């Protein structure tokens, strides 16, 4: 879990070998369904994007962000979080 606090953030997820990633965002202990995200990296045609980016504005609040990898053992992705 990563804390995003009182600022806008830019997130980049660069896949290495995951099937996908689920991003769960909570605020004050409650899930924010409008901010929950899922990204699949393996599709039936094998042509899905291997990089995804999104912005999350935590100005005036605190978000707890959990990145849940979808894949087997020895699969991974790089997550880069930039405070704007």
N, C-alpha and C. Protein backbone atom coordinates (compact mmCIF):
# COMPACT_ATOMS: atom_id res chain seq x y z
N UNK A 1 0.84 -1.17 0.00
CA UNK A 1 0.00 0.00 0.00
C UNK A 1 0.89 1.24 0.00
N UNK A 2 0.46 2.23 -0.77
CA UNK A 2 1.20 3.48 -0.90
C UNK A 2 0.25 4.62 -0.53
N UNK A 3 0.76 5.58 0.22
CA UNK A 3 -0.05 6.73 0.61
C UNK A 3 0.19 7.88 -0.35
N UNK A 4 -0.90 8.42 -0.88
CA UNK A 4 -0.86 9.61 -1.73
C UNK A 4 -1.50 10.71 -0.89
N UNK A 5 -0.74 11.76 -0.60
CA UNK A 5 -1.21 12.76 0.35
C UNK A 5 -1.09 14.17 -0.17
N UNK A 6 -2.21 14.88 -0.19
CA UNK A 6 -2.30 16.33 -0.41
C UNK A 6 -1.50 16.85 -1.61
N UNK A 7 -1.61 16.15 -2.72
CA UNK A 7 -0.94 16.60 -3.95
C UNK A 7 -1.47 15.78 -5.12
N UNK A 8 -1.32 16.26 -6.33
CA UNK A 8 -1.62 15.43 -7.50
C UNK A 8 -0.44 14.50 -7.79
N UNK A 9 -0.74 13.32 -8.31
CA UNK A 9 0.28 12.32 -8.62
C UNK A 9 0.07 11.78 -10.03
N UNK A 10 1.17 11.37 -10.64
CA UNK A 10 1.13 10.70 -11.94
C UNK A 10 1.73 9.31 -11.74
N UNK A 11 1.02 8.28 -12.20
CA UNK A 11 1.45 6.89 -12.01
C UNK A 11 1.67 6.25 -13.38
N UNK A 12 2.79 5.56 -13.52
CA UNK A 12 3.09 4.79 -14.72
C UNK A 12 3.30 3.34 -14.31
N UNK A 13 2.64 2.43 -14.99
CA UNK A 13 2.85 1.00 -14.76
C UNK A 13 3.38 0.41 -16.06
N UNK A 14 4.61 -0.07 -16.00
CA UNK A 14 5.27 -0.70 -17.16
C UNK A 14 5.31 -2.21 -16.90
N UNK A 15 4.58 -2.95 -17.70
CA UNK A 15 4.49 -4.39 -17.49
C UNK A 15 5.76 -5.10 -17.93
N UNK A 16 6.14 -6.10 -17.14
CA UNK A 16 7.22 -7.01 -17.52
C UNK A 16 6.63 -8.36 -17.91
N UNK A 17 5.79 -8.93 -17.04
CA UNK A 17 5.25 -10.26 -17.32
C UNK A 17 3.92 -10.56 -16.63
N UNK A 18 3.27 -9.56 -16.07
CA UNK A 18 1.98 -9.78 -15.42
C UNK A 18 0.87 -10.00 -16.45
N UNK A 19 -0.20 -10.65 -16.01
CA UNK A 19 -1.40 -10.74 -16.83
C UNK A 19 -2.19 -9.45 -16.71
N UNK A 20 -2.05 -8.78 -15.57
CA UNK A 20 -2.76 -7.52 -15.35
C UNK A 20 -2.46 -6.98 -13.96
N UNK A 21 -3.09 -5.86 -13.64
CA UNK A 21 -2.94 -5.25 -12.32
C UNK A 21 -4.28 -4.61 -11.94
N UNK A 22 -4.60 -4.71 -10.67
CA UNK A 22 -5.80 -4.11 -10.11
C UNK A 22 -5.34 -3.02 -9.15
N UNK A 23 -5.88 -1.82 -9.28
CA UNK A 23 -5.49 -0.70 -8.43
C UNK A 23 -6.70 -0.33 -7.56
N UNK A 24 -6.53 -0.51 -6.25
CA UNK A 24 -7.59 -0.25 -5.29
C UNK A 24 -7.26 1.04 -4.54
N UNK A 25 -8.19 1.98 -4.55
CA UNK A 25 -7.99 3.28 -3.90
C UNK A 25 -8.99 3.42 -2.76
N UNK A 26 -8.48 3.73 -1.55
CA UNK A 26 -9.36 3.98 -0.42
C UNK A 26 -9.09 5.39 0.12
N UNK A 27 -10.15 5.97 0.67
CA UNK A 27 -10.07 7.29 1.29
C UNK A 27 -10.83 7.19 2.62
N UNK A 28 -10.18 7.53 3.70
CA UNK A 28 -10.79 7.42 5.04
C UNK A 28 -11.31 6.01 5.29
N UNK A 29 -10.56 5.00 4.83
CA UNK A 29 -10.93 3.61 5.07
C UNK A 29 -12.04 3.08 4.20
N UNK A 30 -12.49 3.87 3.23
CA UNK A 30 -13.58 3.45 2.34
C UNK A 30 -13.09 3.37 0.90
N UNK A 31 -13.49 2.31 0.24
CA UNK A 31 -13.12 2.15 -1.17
C UNK A 31 -13.78 3.24 -2.00
N UNK A 32 -12.98 3.82 -2.90
CA UNK A 32 -13.49 4.82 -3.86
C UNK A 32 -13.73 4.12 -5.20
N UNK A 33 -14.95 3.61 -5.44
CA UNK A 33 -15.22 2.88 -6.68
C UNK A 33 -14.93 3.68 -7.94
N UNK A 34 -15.07 5.01 -7.86
CA UNK A 34 -14.82 5.86 -9.03
C UNK A 34 -13.34 5.94 -9.37
N UNK A 35 -12.47 5.52 -8.45
CA UNK A 35 -11.02 5.59 -8.70
C UNK A 35 -10.38 4.21 -8.86
N UNK A 36 -11.13 3.16 -8.63
CA UNK A 36 -10.61 1.80 -8.80
C UNK A 36 -10.32 1.56 -10.28
N UNK A 37 -9.21 0.87 -10.55
CA UNK A 37 -8.80 0.66 -11.94
C UNK A 37 -8.31 -0.77 -12.12
N UNK A 38 -8.54 -1.33 -13.27
CA UNK A 38 -7.92 -2.61 -13.63
C UNK A 38 -7.36 -2.48 -15.04
N UNK A 39 -6.21 -3.08 -15.22
CA UNK A 39 -5.55 -3.05 -16.52
C UNK A 39 -5.08 -4.46 -16.83
N UNK A 40 -5.50 -5.00 -17.97
CA UNK A 40 -5.04 -6.32 -18.38
C UNK A 40 -3.94 -6.15 -19.42
N UNK A 41 -2.89 -6.93 -19.26
CA UNK A 41 -1.75 -6.86 -20.16
C UNK A 41 -1.71 -8.02 -21.15
N UNK A 42 -2.53 -9.02 -20.93
CA UNK A 42 -2.56 -10.17 -21.83
C UNK A 42 -3.99 -10.35 -22.33
N UNK A 43 -4.17 -10.19 -23.61
CA UNK A 43 -5.49 -10.34 -24.21
C UNK A 43 -5.52 -11.54 -25.13
N UNK A 44 -6.67 -11.86 -25.64
CA UNK A 44 -6.80 -13.03 -26.51
C UNK A 44 -6.00 -12.90 -27.81
N UNK A 45 -5.78 -11.68 -28.25
CA UNK A 45 -5.02 -11.48 -29.49
C UNK A 45 -3.56 -11.13 -29.23
N UNK A 46 -3.19 -10.96 -27.96
CA UNK A 46 -1.80 -10.65 -27.62
C UNK A 46 -1.36 -9.25 -27.98
N UNK A 47 -2.31 -8.35 -28.22
CA UNK A 47 -1.94 -7.01 -28.67
C UNK A 47 -2.34 -5.93 -27.66
N UNK A 48 -2.38 -6.27 -26.39
CA UNK A 48 -2.77 -5.28 -25.39
C UNK A 48 -1.58 -4.42 -24.99
N UNK A 49 -1.83 -3.17 -24.58
CA UNK A 49 -0.73 -2.27 -24.20
C UNK A 49 0.03 -2.82 -23.00
N UNK A 50 1.33 -2.60 -22.99
CA UNK A 50 2.18 -3.06 -21.90
C UNK A 50 2.58 -1.92 -20.98
N UNK A 51 1.99 -0.76 -21.20
CA UNK A 51 2.27 0.41 -20.38
C UNK A 51 0.95 1.16 -20.19
N UNK A 52 0.70 1.57 -18.96
CA UNK A 52 -0.49 2.37 -18.69
C UNK A 52 -0.11 3.50 -17.74
N UNK A 53 -0.78 4.62 -17.88
CA UNK A 53 -0.53 5.76 -17.01
C UNK A 53 -1.87 6.33 -16.54
N UNK A 54 -1.85 6.94 -15.37
CA UNK A 54 -3.04 7.63 -14.89
C UNK A 54 -2.64 8.68 -13.88
N UNK A 55 -3.52 9.65 -13.69
CA UNK A 55 -3.31 10.71 -12.70
C UNK A 55 -4.28 10.51 -11.56
N UNK A 56 -3.82 10.82 -10.36
CA UNK A 56 -4.65 10.72 -9.17
C UNK A 56 -4.42 11.97 -8.34
N UNK A 57 -5.48 12.75 -8.17
CA UNK A 57 -5.36 14.02 -7.46
C UNK A 57 -5.78 13.86 -6.00
N UNK A 58 -4.81 13.86 -5.11
CA UNK A 58 -5.06 13.72 -3.68
C UNK A 58 -5.00 15.06 -2.96
N UNK A 59 -5.12 16.15 -3.70
CA UNK A 59 -5.07 17.48 -3.10
C UNK A 59 -6.19 17.61 -2.06
N UNK A 60 -5.82 17.94 -0.82
CA UNK A 60 -6.79 18.13 0.24
C UNK A 60 -7.28 16.86 0.91
N UNK A 61 -6.68 15.71 0.55
CA UNK A 61 -7.10 14.44 1.14
C UNK A 61 -5.93 13.47 1.19
N UNK A 62 -6.19 12.27 1.66
CA UNK A 62 -5.19 11.20 1.70
C UNK A 62 -5.82 9.96 1.08
N UNK A 63 -5.15 9.40 0.08
CA UNK A 63 -5.58 8.14 -0.52
C UNK A 63 -4.58 7.05 -0.13
N UNK A 64 -5.09 5.87 0.16
CA UNK A 64 -4.26 4.68 0.30
C UNK A 64 -4.46 3.88 -0.98
N UNK A 65 -3.37 3.62 -1.69
CA UNK A 65 -3.46 2.95 -2.99
C UNK A 65 -2.76 1.60 -2.90
N UNK A 66 -3.48 0.56 -3.28
CA UNK A 66 -2.94 -0.79 -3.27
C UNK A 66 -2.88 -1.30 -4.70
N UNK A 67 -1.71 -1.75 -5.10
CA UNK A 67 -1.51 -2.34 -6.43
C UNK A 67 -1.52 -3.85 -6.25
N UNK A 68 -2.48 -4.52 -6.88
CA UNK A 68 -2.63 -5.97 -6.75
C UNK A 68 -2.23 -6.61 -8.08
N UNK A 69 -1.10 -7.31 -8.11
CA UNK A 69 -0.66 -7.93 -9.36
C UNK A 69 -1.51 -9.15 -9.71
N UNK A 70 -1.77 -9.32 -10.98
CA UNK A 70 -2.49 -10.48 -11.49
C UNK A 70 -1.53 -11.28 -12.35
N UNK A 71 -1.13 -12.44 -11.88
CA UNK A 71 -0.18 -13.26 -12.60
C UNK A 71 0.40 -14.32 -11.69
N UNK A 72 1.24 -15.12 -12.26
CA UNK A 72 1.83 -16.22 -11.52
C UNK A 72 3.11 -15.81 -10.79
N UNK A 73 3.73 -16.80 -10.22
CA UNK A 73 5.02 -16.60 -9.54
C UNK A 73 6.04 -16.12 -10.57
N UNK A 74 6.90 -15.22 -10.13
CA UNK A 74 7.97 -14.66 -10.97
C UNK A 74 7.45 -13.75 -12.09
N UNK A 75 6.26 -13.17 -11.91
CA UNK A 75 5.79 -12.16 -12.84
C UNK A 75 5.85 -10.81 -12.16
N UNK A 76 6.02 -9.74 -12.94
CA UNK A 76 6.21 -8.43 -12.30
C UNK A 76 5.87 -7.28 -13.26
N UNK A 77 5.84 -6.10 -12.68
CA UNK A 77 5.70 -4.85 -13.42
C UNK A 77 6.41 -3.77 -12.61
N UNK A 78 6.83 -2.73 -13.26
CA UNK A 78 7.44 -1.58 -12.58
C UNK A 78 6.39 -0.49 -12.42
N UNK A 79 6.30 0.05 -11.21
CA UNK A 79 5.35 1.12 -10.92
C UNK A 79 6.16 2.37 -10.56
N UNK A 80 5.93 3.46 -11.29
CA UNK A 80 6.61 4.71 -11.04
C UNK A 80 5.57 5.72 -10.59
N UNK A 81 5.78 6.31 -9.41
CA UNK A 81 4.85 7.28 -8.85
C UNK A 81 5.57 8.62 -8.77
N UNK A 82 5.00 9.63 -9.42
CA UNK A 82 5.60 10.96 -9.43
C UNK A 82 4.64 11.95 -8.80
N UNK A 83 5.12 12.63 -7.76
CA UNK A 83 4.34 13.69 -7.14
C UNK A 83 4.48 14.91 -8.03
N UNK A 84 3.36 15.52 -8.41
CA UNK A 84 3.37 16.64 -9.36
C UNK A 84 3.58 17.96 -8.66
